[in-house]
Each structure stands twice: as structure tokens, then as C-alpha cells.
Amino acid sequence: MSQNKLHVRSGDRVKVISGNYRGATGQILRTIPDERRVVVDSVNMRKRHQQPTRENPDGGIVSFEAPIDVSNVMLICPHCDEPSRTGTRVDADGTKERICKRCDNPIPKSEA
């Protein structure tokens, strides 16, 4: 069994580093670890035609964010405000924390 662990979490600010939306920044809305994909706010927008339902009696064209591969995004460090790689550090009391490889500061957990 392989572990599907991602380097980003929901609520993190990320920058898209490859693909059609290269250079765009946004917040991660949700992660799909089994498929190694993430959904980023206002990135990879798609449109779907929807029939009228009780919830949406008019129907019409609905826009939504489609997932992109996690390898196409890079975490933006809140301290240096730059896209950077991440690492983990184990403190003396045994707690793990993510660190920025660029500035070596801990990355706090997001509120989302």
C-alpha cells in the first residue's frame, strides 16, 4: 500500500507552475489524495450544461473549478511570500511541522 500524501493542504495558497494556468495563484479548495489532484480557486474553470432540476429550476450553463495535478502547483510561503519547496522538521517533543526550504521558517496550518 502506497501512502497518498500531498505536499499541500486545503486552504494553502499556491502558485500554478505549469499548464494552461501557469502563473496563476489561488487557494486550495479541496484535495483528492487518491488521484493526486487538487482543486484551486479560480483555476482550470470548466463549464457544464445542466438540465433544470428542483434545486435549479432554470438550468443553464454552470461554471466550476476542475481538479489539476498536484505536481503543477507550488506552495507560497507566508513568510517570504514566494513559491517554495517544503520539508518536514521533527521538534524535540516529537511534533512534526512543515518548513519552507527557501527561508527555513515553519509553515503554519491553514484555517480552512
C-alpha atoms as a PDB file:
ATOM      1  CA  MET A   1       0.000   0.000   0.000  1.00  0.00           C
ATOM      2  CA  SER A   2       1.472   3.320  -1.031  1.00  0.00           C
ATOM      3  CA  GLN A   3       0.710   6.377   1.025  1.00  0.00           C
ATOM      4  CA  ASN A   4      -1.010   9.169  -0.930  1.00  0.00           C
ATOM      5  CA  LYS A   5       0.496  12.108   0.917  1.00  0.00           C
ATOM      6  CA  LEU A   6       0.475  15.523  -0.727  1.00  0.00           C
ATOM      7  CA  HIS A   7       2.840  18.440  -0.085  1.00  0.00           C
ATOM      8  CA  VAL A   8      -0.101  20.870   0.142  1.00  0.00           C
ATOM      9  CA  ARG A   9      -3.286  21.001   2.212  1.00  0.00           C
ATOM     10  CA  SER A  10      -6.712  22.550   1.863  1.00  0.00           C
ATOM     11  CA  GLY A  11      -6.564  26.279   2.495  1.00  0.00           C
ATOM     12  CA  ASP A  12      -2.929  26.700   1.370  1.00  0.00           C
ATOM     13  CA  ARG A  13      -2.050  29.490  -1.084  1.00  0.00           C
ATOM     14  CA  VAL A  14      -0.389  28.010  -4.165  1.00  0.00           C
ATOM     15  CA  LYS A  15       1.017  29.127  -7.494  1.00  0.00           C
ATOM     16  CA  VAL A  16       0.450  27.116 -10.674  1.00  0.00           C
ATOM     17  CA  ILE A  17       3.857  26.363 -12.202  1.00  0.00           C
ATOM     18  CA  SER A  18       2.861  24.563 -15.403  1.00  0.00           C
ATOM     19  CA  GLY A  19      -0.075  24.108 -17.729  1.00  0.00           C
ATOM     20  CA  ASN A  20      -2.586  26.498 -19.236  1.00  0.00           C
ATOM     21  CA  TYR A  21      -2.962  28.449 -15.975  1.00  0.00           C
ATOM     22  CA  ARG A  22       0.789  28.910 -15.349  1.00  0.00           C
ATOM     23  CA  GLY A  23       1.472  31.885 -13.078  1.00  0.00           C
ATOM     24  CA  ALA A  24      -1.997  31.948 -11.516  1.00  0.00           C
ATOM     25  CA  THR A  25      -2.276  31.942  -7.730  1.00  0.00           C
ATOM     26  CA  GLY A  26      -5.154  30.768  -5.610  1.00  0.00           C
ATOM     27  CA  GLN A  27      -6.255  28.939  -2.521  1.00  0.00           C
ATOM     28  CA  ILE A  28      -6.752  25.175  -2.446  1.00  0.00           C
ATOM     29  CA  LEU A  29     -10.439  24.402  -2.021  1.00  0.00           C
ATOM     30  CA  ARG A  30     -10.069  20.628  -1.657  1.00  0.00           C
ATOM     31  CA  THR A  31      -7.592  17.835  -2.195  1.00  0.00           C
ATOM     32  CA  ILE A  32      -8.087  14.416  -3.791  1.00  0.00           C
ATOM     33  CA  PRO A  33      -5.141  12.383  -2.440  1.00  0.00           C
ATOM     34  CA  ASP A  34      -6.071   9.087  -4.131  1.00  0.00           C
ATOM     35  CA  GLU A  35      -5.797  10.726  -7.566  1.00  0.00           C
ATOM     36  CA  ARG A  36      -3.004  13.179  -6.532  1.00  0.00           C
ATOM     37  CA  ARG A  37      -5.103  16.151  -7.623  1.00  0.00           C
ATOM     38  CA  VAL A  38      -6.152  19.459  -6.074  1.00  0.00           C
ATOM     39  CA  VAL A  39      -8.900  21.980  -6.795  1.00  0.00           C
ATOM     40  CA  VAL A  40      -7.614  25.570  -6.782  1.00  0.00           C
ATOM     41  CA  ASP A  41      -9.889  28.608  -6.545  1.00  0.00           C
ATOM     42  CA  SER A  42     -10.493  30.250  -9.978  1.00  0.00           C
ATOM     43  CA  VAL A  43      -8.054  27.921 -11.779  1.00  0.00           C
ATOM     44  CA  ASN A  44      -8.970  25.390 -14.508  1.00  0.00           C
ATOM     45  CA  MET A  45     -12.515  26.713 -14.888  1.00  0.00           C
ATOM     46  CA  ARG A  46     -14.865  24.461 -16.845  1.00  0.00           C
ATOM     47  CA  LYS A  47     -18.473  24.878 -17.987  1.00  0.00           C
ATOM     48  CA  ARG A  48     -21.191  22.268 -17.833  1.00  0.00           C
ATOM     49  CA  HIS A  49     -24.674  22.404 -19.293  1.00  0.00           C
ATOM     50  CA  GLN A  50     -27.207  21.428 -16.672  1.00  0.00           C
ATOM     51  CA  GLN A  51     -30.814  20.423 -17.091  1.00  0.00           C
ATOM     52  CA  PRO A  52     -33.429  22.094 -14.909  1.00  0.00           C
ATOM     53  CA  THR A  53     -33.912  20.442 -11.511  1.00  0.00           C
ATOM     54  CA  ARG A  54     -35.899  21.288  -8.411  1.00  0.00           C
ATOM     55  CA  GLU A  55     -32.856  22.960  -6.858  1.00  0.00           C
ATOM     56  CA  ASN A  56     -32.000  24.848 -10.076  1.00  0.00           C
ATOM     57  CA  PRO A  57     -35.281  25.296 -11.967  1.00  0.00           C
ATOM     58  CA  ASP A  58     -33.728  27.413 -14.733  1.00  0.00           C
ATOM     59  CA  GLY A  59     -30.897  25.021 -15.573  1.00  0.00           C
ATOM     60  CA  GLY A  60     -28.318  26.575 -17.862  1.00  0.00           C
ATOM     61  CA  ILE A  61     -24.538  26.689 -18.003  1.00  0.00           C
ATOM     62  CA  VAL A  62     -22.716  26.168 -14.696  1.00  0.00           C
ATOM     63  CA  SER A  63     -19.031  27.106 -14.195  1.00  0.00           C
ATOM     64  CA  PHE A  64     -16.858  25.105 -11.793  1.00  0.00           C
ATOM     65  CA  GLU A  65     -13.195  24.501 -10.959  1.00  0.00           C
ATOM     66  CA  ALA A  66     -11.845  21.204 -12.255  1.00  0.00           C
ATOM     67  CA  PRO A  67      -9.005  19.414 -10.432  1.00  0.00           C
ATOM     68  CA  ILE A  68      -5.392  19.755 -11.570  1.00  0.00           C
ATOM     69  CA  ASP A  69      -2.401  17.565 -10.785  1.00  0.00           C
ATOM     70  CA  VAL A  70      -0.629  18.325  -7.527  1.00  0.00           C
ATOM     71  CA  SER A  71       2.748  18.396  -9.299  1.00  0.00           C
ATOM     72  CA  ASN A  72       1.629  21.521 -11.183  1.00  0.00           C
ATOM     73  CA  VAL A  73       1.294  23.650  -8.028  1.00  0.00           C
ATOM     74  CA  MET A  74       3.847  25.053  -5.605  1.00  0.00           C
ATOM     75  CA  LEU A  75       3.133  26.269  -2.077  1.00  0.00           C
ATOM     76  CA  ILE A  76       3.549  30.006  -1.435  1.00  0.00           C
ATOM     77  CA  CYS A  77       5.377  30.546   1.858  1.00  0.00           C
ATOM     78  CA  PRO A  78       3.529  33.052   4.087  1.00  0.00           C
ATOM     79  CA  HIS A  79       6.834  34.430   5.457  1.00  0.00           C
ATOM     80  CA  CYS A  80       8.854  35.083   2.291  1.00  0.00           C
ATOM     81  CA  ASP A  81       5.744  35.300   0.019  1.00  0.00           C
ATOM     82  CA  GLU A  82       7.495  33.228  -2.667  1.00  0.00           C
ATOM     83  CA  PRO A  83       6.711  29.804  -4.137  1.00  0.00           C
ATOM     84  CA  SER A  84       8.992  27.290  -2.444  1.00  0.00           C
ATOM     85  CA  ARG A  85       9.519  23.621  -1.783  1.00  0.00           C
ATOM     86  CA  THR A  86       8.583  22.236   1.596  1.00  0.00           C
ATOM     87  CA  GLY A  87      10.212  19.886   4.046  1.00  0.00           C
ATOM     88  CA  THR A  88       9.391  18.482   7.452  1.00  0.00           C
ATOM     89  CA  ARG A  89      11.166  19.021  10.739  1.00  0.00           C
ATOM     90  CA  VAL A  90      10.624  16.989  13.892  1.00  0.00           C
ATOM     91  CA  ASP A  91      10.927  19.037  17.076  1.00  0.00           C
ATOM     92  CA  ALA A  92      12.424  17.764  20.324  1.00  0.00           C
ATOM     93  CA  ASP A  93       8.966  16.974  21.694  1.00  0.00           C
ATOM     94  CA  GLY A  94       8.173  14.823  18.637  1.00  0.00           C
ATOM     95  CA  THR A  95       5.799  17.160  16.786  1.00  0.00           C
ATOM     96  CA  LYS A  96       6.178  17.451  13.022  1.00  0.00           C
ATOM     97  CA  GLU A  97       5.922  20.733  11.179  1.00  0.00           C
ATOM     98  CA  ARG A  98       6.268  21.821   7.564  1.00  0.00           C
ATOM     99  CA  ILE A  99       9.130  24.167   6.808  1.00  0.00           C
ATOM    100  CA  CYS A 100       9.916  26.401   3.860  1.00  0.00           C
ATOM    101  CA  LYS A 101      13.111  25.320   2.096  1.00  0.00           C
ATOM    102  CA  ARG A 102      13.725  28.902   0.959  1.00  0.00           C
ATOM    103  CA  CYS A 103      13.610  30.758   4.303  1.00  0.00           C
ATOM    104  CA  ASP A 104      13.665  27.797   6.770  1.00  0.00           C
ATOM    105  CA  ASN A 105      10.618  29.122   8.678  1.00  0.00           C
ATOM    106  CA  PRO A 106       7.754  26.859   9.784  1.00  0.00           C
ATOM    107  CA  ILE A 107       4.594  26.999   7.683  1.00  0.00           C
ATOM    108  CA  PRO A 108       1.510  27.320   9.913  1.00  0.00           C
ATOM    109  CA  LYS A 109      -1.531  25.163   9.344  1.00  0.00           C
ATOM    110  CA  SER A 110      -4.203  26.921   7.338  1.00  0.00           C
ATOM    111  CA  GLU A 111      -7.585  27.693   8.916  1.00  0.00           C
ATOM    112  CA  ALA A 112      -9.626  26.061   6.135  1.00  0.00           C
END
